[in-house]
Amino acid sequence: MTDDERMTAAERMTAEGLTYGLLLFEGAEELDFAGPWEIFTASSAVRDGRDTAVLISASDAPVRCNKGMRVLPDATFDDHPDLDVLLVPGGNGRVAAGKDPVITGWLAATAPKVRWLTSVCTGSLLLHDAGLLDGRRAATHWAGEDELDAREGVTLVRGERFVVDGDVVTSQGVSAGIDMALWLVGALHGADHARAVQKYVQYYPEPPYAE
């Protein structure tokens, strides 16, 4: 048996490189995707550029995000590469996104094909809109907790930065997405790799007004 034949599918994916897909939609919260984007691309840099991060939207038009930042997608729902990880941000635009069958339909069709499905902030509510949190435990932004708690089929977890339930990882608001992304690259490539990524981006938070 050759070395290649001995490798598991997960090991082969790690050796060959991973593709991270980050959803964009009008009104998406900037740091919800930009924070994990930094971690995923830093992880790739530590791995000699082996991985790819792709911003994906319904069309190739610029997307105006929650605070006004305009972002140009790398790919659309129709032409993106196969994904290993899918990240869904939150933001004020997630309500309209959750009512858009193009977005929820793409999520429902794409999520079963990825290795990890993740969300930041109220992105978990968008996952629920797409029918992807049935029977799952999930976190969300503090302002969206009551809304998620009132929905059927999902168990809200309060007070945890991120929640891992099988192959679904949901996180609380904004900066919690960075914690989640660091955990994920550690789950994919080991704790030593995650520590190297943390050092690369100098992620050692010390809030000046900590509670």
C-alpha atoms as a PDB file:
ATOM      1  CA  MET A   1       0.000   0.000   0.000  1.00  0.00           C
ATOM      2  CA  THR A   2       1.383   3.392  -0.955  1.00  0.00           C
ATOM      3  CA  ASP A   3       1.665   6.361   1.394  1.00  0.00           C
ATOM      4  CA  ASP A   4      -1.148   8.059  -0.520  1.00  0.00           C
ATOM      5  CA  GLU A   5      -3.414   5.073   0.029  1.00  0.00           C
ATOM      6  CA  ARG A   6      -2.690   5.151   3.751  1.00  0.00           C
ATOM      7  CA  MET A   7      -3.825   8.745   4.058  1.00  0.00           C
ATOM      8  CA  THR A   8      -7.346   9.333   5.301  1.00  0.00           C
ATOM      9  CA  ALA A   9      -9.657  11.631   3.367  1.00  0.00           C
ATOM     10  CA  ALA A  10      -9.185  14.310   6.041  1.00  0.00           C
ATOM     11  CA  GLU A  11      -5.400  14.028   5.866  1.00  0.00           C
ATOM     12  CA  ARG A  12      -5.499  14.201   2.094  1.00  0.00           C
ATOM     13  CA  MET A  13      -7.659  17.340   2.209  1.00  0.00           C
ATOM     14  CA  THR A  14      -5.242  18.960   4.653  1.00  0.00           C
ATOM     15  CA  ALA A  15      -2.212  18.013   2.564  1.00  0.00           C
ATOM     16  CA  GLU A  16      -3.730  19.238  -0.686  1.00  0.00           C
ATOM     17  CA  GLY A  17      -5.199  22.430   0.701  1.00  0.00           C
ATOM     18  CA  LEU A  18      -8.587  23.645   1.870  1.00  0.00           C
ATOM     19  CA  THR A  19     -11.064  26.103   0.411  1.00  0.00           C
ATOM     20  CA  TYR A  20     -12.877  28.448   2.792  1.00  0.00           C
ATOM     21  CA  GLY A  21     -16.044  30.070   1.477  1.00  0.00           C
ATOM     22  CA  LEU A  22     -17.392  33.181   3.192  1.00  0.00           C
ATOM     23  CA  LEU A  23     -20.904  34.310   2.298  1.00  0.00           C
ATOM     24  CA  LEU A  24     -21.565  37.958   1.481  1.00  0.00           C
ATOM     25  CA  PHE A  25     -24.942  39.671   1.304  1.00  0.00           C
ATOM     26  CA  GLU A  26     -26.185  43.240   1.513  1.00  0.00           C
ATOM     27  CA  GLY A  27     -25.915  44.419   5.122  1.00  0.00           C
ATOM     28  CA  ALA A  28     -23.530  41.695   6.296  1.00  0.00           C
ATOM     29  CA  GLU A  29     -21.521  42.747   9.350  1.00  0.00           C
ATOM     30  CA  GLU A  30     -17.972  43.507   8.216  1.00  0.00           C
ATOM     31  CA  LEU A  31     -15.934  41.944  11.018  1.00  0.00           C
ATOM     32  CA  ASP A  32     -18.131  38.842  11.027  1.00  0.00           C
ATOM     33  CA  PHE A  33     -16.438  37.737   7.822  1.00  0.00           C
ATOM     34  CA  ALA A  34     -13.281  39.882   7.825  1.00  0.00           C
ATOM     35  CA  GLY A  35     -12.107  38.548  11.199  1.00  0.00           C
ATOM     36  CA  PRO A  36     -12.336  34.869  10.181  1.00  0.00           C
ATOM     37  CA  TRP A  37     -10.985  35.795   6.739  1.00  0.00           C
ATOM     38  CA  GLU A  38      -7.822  37.077   8.451  1.00  0.00           C
ATOM     39  CA  ILE A  39      -7.478  33.846  10.426  1.00  0.00           C
ATOM     40  CA  PHE A  40      -8.124  31.577   7.437  1.00  0.00           C
ATOM     41  CA  THR A  41      -5.689  33.447   5.194  1.00  0.00           C
ATOM     42  CA  ALA A  42      -3.068  33.650   7.959  1.00  0.00           C
ATOM     43  CA  SER A  43      -3.481  29.904   8.416  1.00  0.00           C
ATOM     44  CA  SER A  44      -2.844  29.477   4.708  1.00  0.00           C
ATOM     45  CA  ALA A  45       0.262  31.672   4.943  1.00  0.00           C
ATOM     46  CA  VAL A  46       1.602  29.518   7.774  1.00  0.00           C
ATOM     47  CA  ARG A  47       0.907  26.520   5.505  1.00  0.00           C
ATOM     48  CA  ASP A  48       2.927  28.043   2.642  1.00  0.00           C
ATOM     49  CA  GLY A  49      -0.143  29.359   0.837  1.00  0.00           C
ATOM     50  CA  ARG A  50      -1.760  25.963   0.520  1.00  0.00           C
ATOM     51  CA  ASP A  51      -5.340  27.092   1.254  1.00  0.00           C
ATOM     52  CA  THR A  52      -7.768  29.454  -0.445  1.00  0.00           C
ATOM     53  CA  ALA A  53     -10.388  31.839   0.974  1.00  0.00           C
ATOM     54  CA  VAL A  54     -13.213  32.924  -1.311  1.00  0.00           C
ATOM     55  CA  LEU A  55     -15.847  35.631  -0.795  1.00  0.00           C
ATOM     56  CA  ILE A  56     -19.114  34.407  -2.322  1.00  0.00           C
ATOM     57  CA  SER A  57     -22.273  36.311  -3.160  1.00  0.00           C
ATOM     58  CA  ALA A  58     -25.381  35.846  -5.285  1.00  0.00           C
ATOM     59  CA  SER A  59     -23.866  38.012  -8.025  1.00  0.00           C
ATOM     60  CA  ASP A  60     -20.516  39.551  -8.881  1.00  0.00           C
ATOM     61  CA  ALA A  61     -21.705  43.076  -8.034  1.00  0.00           C
ATOM     62  CA  PRO A  62     -20.091  44.937  -5.103  1.00  0.00           C
ATOM     63  CA  VAL A  63     -21.806  44.249  -1.775  1.00  0.00           C
ATOM     64  CA  ARG A  64     -22.492  47.125   0.631  1.00  0.00           C
ATOM     65  CA  CYS A  65     -22.022  45.802   4.148  1.00  0.00           C
ATOM     66  CA  ASN A  66     -23.587  46.771   7.469  1.00  0.00           C
ATOM     67  CA  LYS A  67     -21.361  49.763   8.256  1.00  0.00           C
ATOM     68  CA  GLY A  68     -21.023  50.884   4.635  1.00  0.00           C
ATOM     69  CA  MET A  69     -17.918  49.002   3.501  1.00  0.00           C
ATOM     70  CA  ARG A  70     -18.215  47.930  -0.152  1.00  0.00           C
ATOM     71  CA  VAL A  71     -16.742  44.517  -0.938  1.00  0.00           C
ATOM     72  CA  LEU A  72     -16.217  42.811  -4.279  1.00  0.00           C
ATOM     73  CA  PRO A  73     -17.009  39.067  -4.239  1.00  0.00           C
ATOM     74  CA  ASP A  74     -14.534  36.573  -5.648  1.00  0.00           C
ATOM     75  CA  ALA A  75     -17.218  34.190  -6.896  1.00  0.00           C
ATOM     76  CA  THR A  76     -20.961  33.785  -7.213  1.00  0.00           C
ATOM     77  CA  PHE A  77     -23.386  31.065  -6.192  1.00  0.00           C
ATOM     78  CA  ASP A  78     -23.045  29.663  -9.703  1.00  0.00           C
ATOM     79  CA  ASP A  79     -19.282  29.579 -10.164  1.00  0.00           C
ATOM     80  CA  HIS A  80     -17.559  29.145  -6.776  1.00  0.00           C
ATOM     81  CA  PRO A  81     -15.142  26.249  -6.210  1.00  0.00           C
ATOM     82  CA  ASP A  82     -15.956  23.266  -4.037  1.00  0.00           C
ATOM     83  CA  LEU A  83     -15.810  24.302  -0.385  1.00  0.00           C
ATOM     84  CA  ASP A  84     -14.408  22.592   2.678  1.00  0.00           C
ATOM     85  CA  VAL A  85     -15.599  25.287   5.099  1.00  0.00           C
ATOM     86  CA  LEU A  86     -18.566  27.627   4.732  1.00  0.00           C
ATOM     87  CA  LEU A  87     -18.903  30.707   6.950  1.00  0.00           C
ATOM     88  CA  VAL A  88     -22.123  32.714   7.282  1.00  0.00           C
ATOM     89  CA  PRO A  89     -21.944  36.203   8.842  1.00  0.00           C
ATOM     90  CA  GLY A  90     -24.698  38.145  10.563  1.00  0.00           C
ATOM     91  CA  GLY A  91     -25.580  41.824  10.451  1.00  0.00           C
ATOM     92  CA  ASN A  92     -28.684  43.889   9.891  1.00  0.00           C
ATOM     93  CA  GLY A  93     -28.997  42.489   6.394  1.00  0.00           C
ATOM     94  CA  ARG A  94     -29.510  38.937   7.574  1.00  0.00           C
ATOM     95  CA  VAL A  95     -33.286  39.501   7.995  1.00  0.00           C
ATOM     96  CA  ALA A  96     -33.734  40.256   4.294  1.00  0.00           C
ATOM     97  CA  ALA A  97     -31.224  37.534   3.421  1.00  0.00           C
ATOM     98  CA  GLY A  98     -33.257  35.032   5.425  1.00  0.00           C
ATOM     99  CA  LYS A  99     -36.308  35.855   3.330  1.00  0.00           C
ATOM    100  CA  ASP A 100     -34.448  35.564   0.033  1.00  0.00           C
ATOM    101  CA  PRO A 101     -34.966  32.068  -1.445  1.00  0.00           C
ATOM    102  CA  VAL A 102     -31.885  32.490  -3.629  1.00  0.00           C
ATOM    103  CA  ILE A 103     -29.672  32.840  -0.546  1.00  0.00           C
ATOM    104  CA  THR A 104     -31.433  30.308   1.689  1.00  0.00           C
ATOM    105  CA  GLY A 105     -31.705  27.863  -1.188  1.00  0.00           C
ATOM    106  CA  TRP A 106     -28.001  28.129  -1.937  1.00  0.00           C
ATOM    107  CA  LEU A 107     -27.178  27.630   1.735  1.00  0.00           C
ATOM    108  CA  ALA A 108     -29.437  24.584   1.982  1.00  0.00           C
ATOM    109  CA  ALA A 109     -27.879  23.057  -1.129  1.00  0.00           C
ATOM    110  CA  THR A 110     -24.261  23.886  -0.286  1.00  0.00           C
ATOM    111  CA  ALA A 111     -24.067  23.139   3.445  1.00  0.00           C
ATOM    112  CA  PRO A 112     -24.341  19.332   3.140  1.00  0.00           C
ATOM    113  CA  LYS A 113     -21.306  19.311   0.830  1.00  0.00           C
ATOM    114  CA  VAL A 114     -18.878  21.061   3.210  1.00  0.00           C
ATOM    115  CA  ARG A 115     -16.770  19.624   5.960  1.00  0.00           C
ATOM    116  CA  TRP A 116     -17.542  22.419   8.419  1.00  0.00           C
ATOM    117  CA  LEU A 117     -20.512  24.801   8.492  1.00  0.00           C
ATOM    118  CA  THR A 118     -19.901  27.915  10.591  1.00  0.00           C
ATOM    119  CA  SER A 119     -21.568  31.196  11.495  1.00  0.00           C
ATOM    120  CA  VAL A 120     -20.783  34.417  13.315  1.00  0.00           C
ATOM    121  CA  CYS A 121     -23.204  36.638  15.209  1.00  0.00           C
ATOM    122  CA  THR A 122     -26.777  36.459  13.863  1.00  0.00           C
ATOM    123  CA  GLY A 123     -25.541  34.335  10.994  1.00  0.00           C
ATOM    124  CA  SER A 124     -26.915  31.440  13.044  1.00  0.00           C
ATOM    125  CA  LEU A 125     -30.407  32.865  12.505  1.00  0.00           C
ATOM    126  CA  LEU A 126     -29.738  32.827   8.775  1.00  0.00           C
ATOM    127  CA  LEU A 127     -28.639  29.199   9.068  1.00  0.00           C
ATOM    128  CA  HIS A 128     -31.926  28.469  10.800  1.00  0.00           C
ATOM    129  CA  ASP A 129     -33.828  30.258   8.032  1.00  0.00           C
ATOM    130  CA  ALA A 130     -32.186  27.819   5.616  1.00  0.00           C
ATOM    131  CA  GLY A 131     -33.237  24.829   7.719  1.00  0.00           C
ATOM    132  CA  LEU A 132     -29.698  23.993   8.804  1.00  0.00           C
ATOM    133  CA  LEU A 133     -29.960  24.071  12.596  1.00  0.00           C
ATOM    134  CA  ASP A 134     -32.624  21.430  13.202  1.00  0.00           C
ATOM    135  CA  GLY A 135     -31.629  19.422  16.272  1.00  0.00           C
ATOM    136  CA  ARG A 136     -28.544  21.552  16.846  1.00  0.00           C
ATOM    137  CA  ARG A 137     -27.193  23.571  19.745  1.00  0.00           C
ATOM    138  CA  ALA A 138     -26.200  27.066  18.651  1.00  0.00           C
ATOM    139  CA  ALA A 139     -24.904  30.460  19.772  1.00  0.00           C
ATOM    140  CA  THR A 140     -25.648  33.902  18.411  1.00  0.00           C
ATOM    141  CA  HIS A 141     -25.168  37.610  19.171  1.00  0.00           C
ATOM    142  CA  TRP A 142     -26.641  38.606  22.540  1.00  0.00           C
ATOM    143  CA  ALA A 143     -29.239  40.803  20.825  1.00  0.00           C
ATOM    144  CA  GLY A 144     -30.478  37.847  18.783  1.00  0.00           C
ATOM    145  CA  GLU A 145     -30.579  35.260  21.555  1.00  0.00           C
ATOM    146  CA  ASP A 146     -34.262  35.636  22.393  1.00  0.00           C
ATOM    147  CA  GLU A 147     -35.208  35.395  18.731  1.00  0.00           C
ATOM    148  CA  LEU A 148     -33.201  32.218  18.245  1.00  0.00           C
ATOM    149  CA  ASP A 149     -34.493  30.795  21.519  1.00  0.00           C
ATOM    150  CA  ALA A 150     -38.078  31.276  20.310  1.00  0.00           C
ATOM    151  CA  ARG A 151     -37.488  29.295  17.121  1.00  0.00           C
ATOM    152  CA  GLU A 152     -38.300  25.628  16.800  1.00  0.00           C
ATOM    153  CA  GLY A 153     -35.807  22.833  16.340  1.00  0.00           C
ATOM    154  CA  VAL A 154     -32.736  24.601  17.718  1.00  0.00           C
ATOM    155  CA  THR A 155     -31.347  24.844  21.264  1.00  0.00           C
ATOM    156  CA  LEU A 156     -29.871  28.230  22.150  1.00  0.00           C
ATOM    157  CA  VAL A 157     -26.665  28.197  24.188  1.00  0.00           C
ATOM    158  CA  ARG A 158     -26.080  31.383  26.144  1.00  0.00           C
ATOM    159  CA  GLY A 159     -22.765  32.541  27.560  1.00  0.00           C
ATOM    160  CA  GLU A 160     -20.385  30.616  25.277  1.00  0.00           C
ATOM    161  CA  ARG A 161     -18.198  32.375  22.700  1.00  0.00           C
ATOM    162  CA  PHE A 162     -18.787  29.581  20.219  1.00  0.00           C
ATOM    163  CA  VAL A 163     -20.600  26.258  20.209  1.00  0.00           C
ATOM    164  CA  VAL A 164     -19.479  23.116  18.397  1.00  0.00           C
ATOM    165  CA  ASP A 165     -22.236  20.651  17.504  1.00  0.00           C
ATOM    166  CA  GLY A 166     -20.960  17.968  15.183  1.00  0.00           C
ATOM    167  CA  ASP A 167     -19.830  19.651  11.984  1.00  0.00           C
ATOM    168  CA  VAL A 168     -21.638  22.925  12.767  1.00  0.00           C
ATOM    169  CA  VAL A 169     -19.881  25.719  14.691  1.00  0.00           C
ATOM    170  CA  THR A 170     -21.806  28.863  15.643  1.00  0.00           C
ATOM    171  CA  SER A 171     -20.334  31.854  17.457  1.00  0.00           C
ATOM    172  CA  GLN A 172     -21.491  34.929  19.303  1.00  0.00           C
ATOM    173  CA  GLY A 173     -21.064  38.489  18.031  1.00  0.00           C
ATOM    174  CA  VAL A 174     -18.309  39.974  15.888  1.00  0.00           C
ATOM    175  CA  SER A 175     -15.016  39.258  17.712  1.00  0.00           C
ATOM    176  CA  ALA A 176     -16.187  35.805  18.794  1.00  0.00           C
ATOM    177  CA  GLY A 177     -15.881  34.828  15.151  1.00  0.00           C
ATOM    178  CA  ILE A 178     -12.107  35.228  15.433  1.00  0.00           C
ATOM    179  CA  ASP A 179     -12.045  32.854  18.398  1.00  0.00           C
ATOM    180  CA  MET A 180     -14.171  30.388  16.461  1.00  0.00           C
ATOM    181  CA  ALA A 181     -11.958  30.605  13.378  1.00  0.00           C
ATOM    182  CA  LEU A 182      -8.828  30.011  15.474  1.00  0.00           C
ATOM    183  CA  TRP A 183     -10.450  26.977  17.062  1.00  0.00           C
ATOM    184  CA  LEU A 184     -11.376  25.699  13.619  1.00  0.00           C
ATOM    185  CA  VAL A 185      -7.877  25.937  12.131  1.00  0.00           C
ATOM    186  CA  GLY A 186      -6.695  24.136  15.249  1.00  0.00           C
ATOM    187  CA  ALA A 187      -9.278  21.403  14.716  1.00  0.00           C
ATOM    188  CA  LEU A 188      -8.145  21.104  11.108  1.00  0.00           C
ATOM    189  CA  HIS A 189      -4.382  21.316  11.560  1.00  0.00           C
ATOM    190  CA  GLY A 190      -3.620  20.912  15.265  1.00  0.00           C
ATOM    191  CA  ALA A 191      -3.153  23.145  18.289  1.00  0.00           C
ATOM    192  CA  ASP A 192       0.464  24.030  17.440  1.00  0.00           C
ATOM    193  CA  HIS A 193      -0.645  25.327  14.060  1.00  0.00           C
ATOM    194  CA  ALA A 194      -3.404  27.417  15.664  1.00  0.00           C
ATOM    195  CA  ARG A 195      -0.876  28.909  18.085  1.00  0.00           C
ATOM    196  CA  ALA A 196       1.368  29.804  15.154  1.00  0.00           C
ATOM    197  CA  VAL A 197      -1.562  31.531  13.458  1.00  0.00           C
ATOM    198  CA  GLN A 198      -2.423  33.362  16.673  1.00  0.00           C
ATOM    199  CA  LYS A 199       1.164  34.610  16.880  1.00  0.00           C
ATOM    200  CA  TYR A 200       1.154  35.542  13.171  1.00  0.00           C
ATOM    201  CA  VAL A 201      -1.796  37.915  13.662  1.00  0.00           C
ATOM    202  CA  GLN A 202      -0.750  38.880  17.223  1.00  0.00           C
ATOM    203  CA  TYR A 203      -4.175  37.945  18.552  1.00  0.00           C
ATOM    204  CA  TYR A 204      -3.790  38.423  22.304  1.00  0.00           C
ATOM    205  CA  PRO A 205      -6.840  40.552  23.234  1.00  0.00           C
ATOM    206  CA  GLU A 206      -6.637  42.892  26.208  1.00  0.00           C
ATOM    207  CA  PRO A 207      -9.776  45.074  26.072  1.00  0.00           C
ATOM    208  CA  PRO A 208      -9.064  48.487  27.639  1.00  0.00           C
ATOM    209  CA  TYR A 209     -12.526  48.558  29.190  1.00  0.00           C
ATOM    210  CA  ALA A 210     -12.984  44.940  30.231  1.00  0.00           C
ATOM    211  CA  GLU A 211     -15.962  44.290  32.478  1.00  0.00           C
END
